[in-house]
Structures are given as C-alpha cells and as structure tokens.
PDB file of N, CA and C in Angstrom:
ATOM      1  N   UNK A   1      41.560  10.152  53.872  1.00  0.00           N
ATOM      2  CA  UNK A   1      41.252  10.842  52.653  1.00  0.00           C
ATOM      3  C   UNK A   1      41.901  12.231  52.690  1.00  0.00           C
ATOM      4  N   UNK A   2      42.412  12.653  51.561  1.00  0.00           N
ATOM      5  CA  UNK A   2      43.103  13.930  51.454  1.00  0.00           C
ATOM      6  C   UNK A   2      42.123  15.073  51.193  1.00  0.00           C
ATOM      7  N   UNK A   3      42.408  16.212  51.767  1.00  0.00           N
ATOM      8  CA  UNK A   3      41.614  17.409  51.507  1.00  0.00           C
ATOM      9  C   UNK A   3      41.685  17.785  50.026  1.00  0.00           C
ATOM     10  N   UNK A   4      42.822  17.518  49.373  1.00  0.00           N
ATOM     11  CA  UNK A   4      43.039  17.925  47.997  1.00  0.00           C
ATOM     12  C   UNK A   4      42.560  16.901  46.969  1.00  0.00           C
ATOM     13  N   UNK A   5      42.044  15.774  47.390  1.00  0.00           N
ATOM     14  CA  UNK A   5      41.583  14.747  46.468  1.00  0.00           C
ATOM     15  C   UNK A   5      40.522  15.321  45.525  1.00  0.00           C
ATOM     16  N   UNK A   6      40.807  15.250  44.225  1.00  0.00           N
ATOM     17  CA  UNK A   6      39.920  15.734  43.155  1.00  0.00           C
ATOM     18  C   UNK A   6      39.668  17.239  43.170  1.00  0.00           C
ATOM     19  N   UNK A   7      40.456  17.997  43.917  1.00  0.00           N
ATOM     20  CA  UNK A   7      40.355  19.462  43.885  1.00  0.00           C
ATOM     21  C   UNK A   7      41.271  19.972  42.777  1.00  0.00           C
ATOM     22  N   UNK A   8      40.852  21.024  42.108  1.00  0.00           N
ATOM     23  CA  UNK A   8      41.658  21.627  41.052  1.00  0.00           C
ATOM     24  C   UNK A   8      42.566  22.683  41.650  1.00  0.00           C
ATOM     25  N   UNK A   9      43.862  22.553  41.338  1.00  0.00           N
ATOM     26  CA  UNK A   9      44.856  23.461  41.894  1.00  0.00           C
ATOM     27  C   UNK A   9      45.736  24.015  40.777  1.00  0.00           C
ATOM     28  N   UNK A  10      46.014  25.313  40.838  1.00  0.00           N
ATOM     29  CA  UNK A  10      46.944  25.967  39.928  1.00  0.00           C
ATOM     30  C   UNK A  10      48.228  26.244  40.687  1.00  0.00           C
ATOM     31  N   UNK A  11      49.344  25.766  40.141  1.00  0.00           N
ATOM     32  CA  UNK A  11      50.637  25.995  40.781  1.00  0.00           C
ATOM     33  C   UNK A  11      51.516  26.759  39.802  1.00  0.00           C
ATOM     34  N   UNK A  12      51.963  27.934  40.212  1.00  0.00           N
ATOM     35  CA  UNK A  12      52.895  28.715  39.407  1.00  0.00           C
ATOM     36  C   UNK A  12      54.313  28.427  39.889  1.00  0.00           C
ATOM     37  N   UNK A  13      55.279  28.631  39.024  1.00  0.00           N
ATOM     38  CA  UNK A  13      56.663  28.353  39.387  1.00  0.00           C
ATOM     39  C   UNK A  13      56.911  26.869  39.565  1.00  0.00           C
ATOM     40  N   UNK A  14      56.170  26.046  38.825  1.00  0.00           N
ATOM     41  CA  UNK A  14      56.193  24.599  39.023  1.00  0.00           C
ATOM     42  C   UNK A  14      57.382  23.884  38.395  1.00  0.00           C
ATOM     43  N   UNK A  15      58.265  24.617  37.739  1.00  0.00           N
ATOM     44  CA  UNK A  15      59.410  23.970  37.097  1.00  0.00           C
ATOM     45  C   UNK A  15      60.520  23.622  38.087  1.00  0.00           C
ATOM     46  N   UNK A  16      60.523  24.258  39.228  1.00  0.00           N
ATOM     47  CA  UNK A  16      61.598  23.982  40.177  1.00  0.00           C
ATOM     48  C   UNK A  16      61.312  24.568  41.541  1.00  0.00           C
ATOM     49  N   UNK A  17      62.182  24.248  42.471  1.00  0.00           N
ATOM     50  CA  UNK A  17      62.100  24.815  43.811  1.00  0.00           C
ATOM     51  C   UNK A  17      60.809  24.498  44.539  1.00  0.00           C
ATOM     52  N   UNK A  18      60.318  25.507  45.258  1.00  0.00           N
ATOM     53  CA  UNK A  18      59.122  25.336  46.071  1.00  0.00           C
ATOM     54  C   UNK A  18      57.899  25.029  45.204  1.00  0.00           C
ATOM     55  N   UNK A  19      57.781  25.677  44.053  1.00  0.00           N
ATOM     56  CA  UNK A  19      56.640  25.434  43.178  1.00  0.00           C
ATOM     57  C   UNK A  19      56.560  23.986  42.729  1.00  0.00           C
ATOM     58  N   UNK A  20      57.702  23.418  42.361  1.00  0.00           N
ATOM     59  CA  UNK A  20      57.726  22.014  41.948  1.00  0.00           C
ATOM     60  C   UNK A  20      57.371  21.115  43.124  1.00  0.00           C
ATOM     61  N   UNK A  21      57.934  21.406  44.280  1.00  0.00           N
ATOM     62  CA  UNK A  21      57.647  20.600  45.469  1.00  0.00           C
ATOM     63  C   UNK A  21      56.162  20.637  45.815  1.00  0.00           C
ATOM     64  N   UNK A  22      55.549  21.800  45.711  1.00  0.00           N
ATOM     65  CA  UNK A  22      54.117  21.931  45.986  1.00  0.00           C
ATOM     66  C   UNK A  22      53.308  21.134  44.966  1.00  0.00           C
ATOM     67  N   UNK A  23      53.665  21.261  43.680  1.00  0.00           N
ATOM     68  CA  UNK A  23      52.935  20.530  42.633  1.00  0.00           C
ATOM     69  C   UNK A  23      53.008  19.025  42.857  1.00  0.00           C
ATOM     70  N   UNK A  24      54.182  18.519  43.182  1.00  0.00           N
ATOM     71  CA  UNK A  24      54.329  17.077  43.399  1.00  0.00           C
ATOM     72  C   UNK A  24      53.606  16.619  44.659  1.00  0.00           C
ATOM     73  N   UNK A  25      53.639  17.445  45.701  1.00  0.00           N
ATOM     74  CA  UNK A  25      52.915  17.099  46.937  1.00  0.00           C
ATOM     75  C   UNK A  25      51.412  17.052  46.680  1.00  0.00           C
ATOM     76  N   UNK A  26      50.901  18.016  45.934  1.00  0.00           N
ATOM     77  CA  UNK A  26      49.476  18.017  45.599  1.00  0.00           C
ATOM     78  C   UNK A  26      49.115  16.822  44.734  1.00  0.00           C
ATOM     79  N   UNK A  27      49.985  16.470  43.809  1.00  0.00           N
ATOM     80  CA  UNK A  27      49.747  15.300  42.955  1.00  0.00           C
ATOM     81  C   UNK A  27      49.634  14.040  43.805  1.00  0.00           C
ATOM     82  N   UNK A  28      50.497  13.911  44.789  1.00  0.00           N
ATOM     83  CA  UNK A  28      50.474  12.742  45.677  1.00  0.00           C
ATOM     84  C   UNK A  28      49.200  12.706  46.517  1.00  0.00           C
ATOM     85  N   UNK A  29      48.597  13.877  46.751  1.00  0.00           N
ATOM     86  CA  UNK A  29      47.360  13.968  47.530  1.00  0.00           C
ATOM     87  C   UNK A  29      46.115  13.803  46.664  1.00  0.00           C
ATOM     88  N   UNK A  30      46.299  13.627  45.343  1.00  0.00           N
ATOM     89  CA  UNK A  30      45.165  13.374  44.466  1.00  0.00           C
ATOM     90  C   UNK A  30      44.543  14.603  43.827  1.00  0.00           C
ATOM     91  N   UNK A  31      45.249  15.730  43.855  1.00  0.00           N
ATOM     92  CA  UNK A  31      44.728  16.950  43.239  1.00  0.00           C
ATOM     93  C   UNK A  31      44.774  16.851  41.715  1.00  0.00           C
ATOM     94  N   UNK A  32      43.896  17.598  41.062  1.00  0.00           N
ATOM     95  CA  UNK A  32      43.930  17.778  39.615  1.00  0.00           C
ATOM     96  C   UNK A  32      44.712  19.069  39.384  1.00  0.00           C
ATOM     97  N   UNK A  33      45.800  18.982  38.608  1.00  0.00           N
ATOM     98  CA  UNK A  33      46.740  20.095  38.559  1.00  0.00           C
ATOM     99  C   UNK A  33      46.794  20.827  37.238  1.00  0.00           C
ATOM    100  N   UNK A  34      46.925  22.145  37.352  1.00  0.00           N
ATOM    101  CA  UNK A  34      47.312  23.019  36.255  1.00  0.00           C
ATOM    102  C   UNK A  34      48.618  23.649  36.722  1.00  0.00           C
ATOM    103  N   UNK A  35      49.668  23.497  35.926  1.00  0.00           N
ATOM    104  CA  UNK A  35      50.974  24.017  36.337  1.00  0.00           C
ATOM    105  C   UNK A  35      51.508  24.971  35.277  1.00  0.00           C
ATOM    106  N   UNK A  36      52.283  25.941  35.728  1.00  0.00           N
ATOM    107  CA  UNK A  36      52.881  26.901  34.821  1.00  0.00           C
ATOM    108  C   UNK A  36      54.235  27.349  35.344  1.00  0.00           C
ATOM    109  N   UNK A  37      55.073  27.758  34.415  1.00  0.00           N
ATOM    110  CA  UNK A  37      56.387  28.313  34.725  1.00  0.00           C
ATOM    111  C   UNK A  37      56.919  28.922  33.439  1.00  0.00           C
ATOM    112  N   UNK A  38      57.854  29.809  33.562  1.00  0.00           N
ATOM    113  CA  UNK A  38      58.449  30.430  32.384  1.00  0.00           C
ATOM    114  C   UNK A  38      59.437  29.483  31.684  1.00  0.00           C
ATOM    115  N   UNK A  39      59.943  28.493  32.413  1.00  0.00           N
ATOM    116  CA  UNK A  39      60.925  27.546  31.874  1.00  0.00           C
ATOM    117  C   UNK A  39      60.205  26.310  31.322  1.00  0.00           C
ATOM    118  N   UNK A  40      60.032  26.260  30.013  1.00  0.00           N
ATOM    119  CA  UNK A  40      59.249  25.191  29.373  1.00  0.00           C
ATOM    120  C   UNK A  40      59.867  23.813  29.552  1.00  0.00           C
ATOM    121  N   UNK A  41      61.177  23.707  29.430  1.00  0.00           N
ATOM    122  CA  UNK A  41      61.827  22.393  29.510  1.00  0.00           C
ATOM    123  C   UNK A  41      61.691  21.782  30.900  1.00  0.00           C
ATOM    124  N   UNK A  42      61.973  22.555  31.922  1.00  0.00           N
ATOM    125  CA  UNK A  42      61.856  22.034  33.282  1.00  0.00           C
ATOM    126  C   UNK A  42      60.394  21.826  33.671  1.00  0.00           C
ATOM    127  N   UNK A  43      59.496  22.649  33.137  1.00  0.00           N
ATOM    128  CA  UNK A  43      58.069  22.462  33.404  1.00  0.00           C
ATOM    129  C   UNK A  43      57.607  21.116  32.857  1.00  0.00           C
ATOM    130  N   UNK A  44      58.096  20.750  31.679  1.00  0.00           N
ATOM    131  CA  UNK A  44      57.734  19.455  31.100  1.00  0.00           C
ATOM    132  C   UNK A  44      58.221  18.308  31.980  1.00  0.00           C
ATOM    133  N   UNK A  45      59.387  18.472  32.591  1.00  0.00           N
ATOM    134  CA  UNK A  45      59.890  17.440  33.506  1.00  0.00           C
ATOM    135  C   UNK A  45      58.958  17.282  34.702  1.00  0.00           C
ATOM    136  N   UNK A  46      58.488  18.402  35.234  1.00  0.00           N
ATOM    137  CA  UNK A  46      57.538  18.340  36.347  1.00  0.00           C
ATOM    138  C   UNK A  46      56.239  17.678  35.901  1.00  0.00           C
ATOM    139  N   UNK A  47      55.763  18.039  34.710  1.00  0.00           N
ATOM    140  CA  UNK A  47      54.539  17.433  34.171  1.00  0.00           C
ATOM    141  C   UNK A  47      54.693  15.924  34.045  1.00  0.00           C
ATOM    142  N   UNK A  48      55.849  15.485  33.562  1.00  0.00           N
ATOM    143  CA  UNK A  48      56.109  14.048  33.433  1.00  0.00           C
ATOM    144  C   UNK A  48      56.084  13.358  34.794  1.00  0.00           C
ATOM    145  N   UNK A  49      56.679  13.991  35.796  1.00  0.00           N
ATOM    146  CA  UNK A  49      56.699  13.413  37.140  1.00  0.00           C
ATOM    147  C   UNK A  49      55.284  13.320  37.721  1.00  0.00           C
ATOM    148  N   UNK A  50      54.477  14.331  37.472  1.00  0.00           N
ATOM    149  CA  UNK A  50      53.096  14.321  37.956  1.00  0.00           C
ATOM    150  C   UNK A  50      52.330  13.161  37.329  1.00  0.00           C
ATOM    151  N   UNK A  51      52.498  12.984  36.039  1.00  0.00           N
ATOM    152  CA  UNK A  51      51.805  11.898  35.348  1.00  0.00           C
ATOM    153  C   UNK A  51      52.311  10.535  35.804  1.00  0.00           C
ATOM    154  N   UNK A  52      53.598  10.422  36.116  1.00  0.00           N
ATOM    155  CA  UNK A  52      54.143   9.164  36.626  1.00  0.00           C
ATOM    156  C   UNK A  52      53.540   8.804  37.977  1.00  0.00           C
ATOM    157  N   UNK A  53      53.134   9.814  38.726  1.00  0.00           N
ATOM    158  CA  UNK A  53      52.480   9.580  40.017  1.00  0.00           C
ATOM    159  C   UNK A  53      51.021   9.151  39.844  1.00  0.00           C
ATOM    160  N   UNK A  54      50.526   9.235  38.613  1.00  0.00           N
ATOM    161  CA  UNK A  54      49.152   8.859  38.339  1.00  0.00           C
ATOM    162  C   UNK A  54      48.151   9.967  38.598  1.00  0.00           C
ATOM    163  N   UNK A  55      48.641  11.172  38.794  1.00  0.00           N
ATOM    164  CA  UNK A  55      47.757  12.304  39.067  1.00  0.00           C
ATOM    165  C   UNK A  55      47.211  12.871  37.758  1.00  0.00           C
ATOM    166  N   UNK A  56      46.106  13.593  37.875  1.00  0.00           N
ATOM    167  CA  UNK A  56      45.486  14.204  36.703  1.00  0.00           C
ATOM    168  C   UNK A  56      46.125  15.568  36.451  1.00  0.00           C
ATOM    169  N   UNK A  57      46.712  15.708  35.250  1.00  0.00           N
ATOM    170  CA  UNK A  57      47.324  16.961  34.840  1.00  0.00           C
ATOM    171  C   UNK A  57      46.385  17.642  33.855  1.00  0.00           C
ATOM    172  N   UNK A  58      45.790  18.746  34.273  1.00  0.00           N
ATOM    173  CA  UNK A  58      44.837  19.468  33.445  1.00  0.00           C
ATOM    174  C   UNK A  58      45.528  20.356  32.421  1.00  0.00           C
ATOM    175  N   UNK A  59      46.665  20.937  32.813  1.00  0.00           N
ATOM    176  CA  UNK A  59      47.356  21.913  31.977  1.00  0.00           C
ATOM    177  C   UNK A  59      48.800  22.038  32.428  1.00  0.00           C
ATOM    178  N   UNK A  60      49.704  22.050  31.470  1.00  0.00           N
ATOM    179  CA  UNK A  60      51.106  22.389  31.733  1.00  0.00           C
ATOM    180  C   UNK A  60      51.467  23.432  30.686  1.00  0.00           C
ATOM    181  N   UNK A  61      51.516  24.693  31.103  1.00  0.00           N
ATOM    182  CA  UNK A  61      51.671  25.789  30.168  1.00  0.00           C
ATOM    183  C   UNK A  61      52.865  26.662  30.542  1.00  0.00           C
ATOM    184  N   UNK A  62      53.844  26.703  29.652  1.00  0.00           N
ATOM    185  CA  UNK A  62      54.979  27.599  29.866  1.00  0.00           C
ATOM    186  C   UNK A  62      54.512  29.026  29.600  1.00  0.00           C
ATOM    187  N   UNK A  63      54.588  29.868  30.607  1.00  0.00           N
ATOM    188  CA  UNK A  63      54.079  31.230  30.473  1.00  0.00           C
ATOM    189  C   UNK A  63      54.738  32.149  31.491  1.00  0.00           C
ATOM    190  N   UNK A  64      54.752  33.420  31.147  1.00  0.00           N
ATOM    191  CA  UNK A  64      55.220  34.458  32.054  1.00  0.00           C
ATOM    192  C   UNK A  64      53.985  35.031  32.742  1.00  0.00           C
ATOM    193  N   UNK A  65      53.787  34.687  33.996  1.00  0.00           N
ATOM    194  CA  UNK A  65      52.561  35.091  34.685  1.00  0.00           C
ATOM    195  C   UNK A  65      52.547  36.575  35.066  1.00  0.00           C
ATOM    196  N   UNK A  66      53.627  37.292  34.786  1.00  0.00           N
ATOM    197  CA  UNK A  66      53.609  38.740  35.015  1.00  0.00           C
ATOM    198  C   UNK A  66      52.973  39.474  33.841  1.00  0.00           C
ATOM    199  N   UNK A  67      52.651  38.748  32.772  1.00  0.00           N
ATOM    200  CA  UNK A  67      52.027  39.332  31.581  1.00  0.00           C
ATOM    201  C   UNK A  67      50.516  39.095  31.638  1.00  0.00           C
ATOM    202  N   UNK A  68      49.747  40.159  31.806  1.00  0.00           N
ATOM    203  CA  UNK A  68      48.299  40.059  31.970  1.00  0.00           C
ATOM    204  C   UNK A  68      47.630  39.331  30.809  1.00  0.00           C
ATOM    205  N   UNK A  69      48.024  39.629  29.586  1.00  0.00           N
ATOM    206  CA  UNK A  69      47.422  38.988  28.417  1.00  0.00           C
ATOM    207  C   UNK A  69      47.621  37.486  28.452  1.00  0.00           C
ATOM    208  N   UNK A  70      48.776  37.043  28.871  1.00  0.00           N
ATOM    209  CA  UNK A  70      49.061  35.617  28.975  1.00  0.00           C
ATOM    210  C   UNK A  70      48.128  34.953  29.981  1.00  0.00           C
ATOM    211  N   UNK A  71      47.920  35.597  31.098  1.00  0.00           N
ATOM    212  CA  UNK A  71      47.046  35.047  32.146  1.00  0.00           C
ATOM    213  C   UNK A  71      45.608  34.946  31.635  1.00  0.00           C
ATOM    214  N   UNK A  72      45.147  35.946  30.940  1.00  0.00           N
ATOM    215  CA  UNK A  72      43.791  35.920  30.389  1.00  0.00           C
ATOM    216  C   UNK A  72      43.657  34.749  29.407  1.00  0.00           C
ATOM    217  N   UNK A  73      44.659  34.550  28.567  1.00  0.00           N
ATOM    218  CA  UNK A  73      44.627  33.453  27.616  1.00  0.00           C
ATOM    219  C   UNK A  73      44.635  32.102  28.314  1.00  0.00           C
ATOM    220  N   UNK A  74      45.398  31.971  29.380  1.00  0.00           N
ATOM    221  CA  UNK A  74      45.430  30.713  30.130  1.00  0.00           C
ATOM    222  C   UNK A  74      44.069  30.415  30.747  1.00  0.00           C
ATOM    223  N   UNK A  75      43.434  31.442  31.272  1.00  0.00           N
ATOM    224  CA  UNK A  75      42.134  31.254  31.921  1.00  0.00           C
ATOM    225  C   UNK A  75      41.109  30.770  30.920  1.00  0.00           C
TER     226      UNK A  75
END
C-alpha cells in the first residue's frame, strides 16, 4: 500500500519538468491531486495524463503562484 493513497496533494509547476514528474508519480501512487502551473496548455496535458492513469484530479488550475490574490482564490 502506498503512503500517498487517497492523500490530497498540491503540485505546483505541474506542466513540465520535475513538477510534472512528481504529479504523475503521485498519481501512480493513488494520490488525489490538485495541480497548477502558469502554462495552461501544458498543464491540461498533464491533467489528461493523470486522468488516463485513473487517478483522482481535484483541480487543474493555470495560475501564477507568485500572485497572492491568485493563491487565495485557489484556496
């Protein structure tokens, strides 16, 4: 059994690189994911891959996490 099974995880930078790799690894471990990145198109690709793995995607939100107002709205 995975430590991340049914745990809620927020992954920033999930459109590519390390963030995407972390999001997909967590999805494979059964985590419930909220993902964000400033790049909406690539973020949607990651969201699609997560759903193809059968993982629960709680939120896929294109956002600039350096903007405090945006973070408050996401929360």
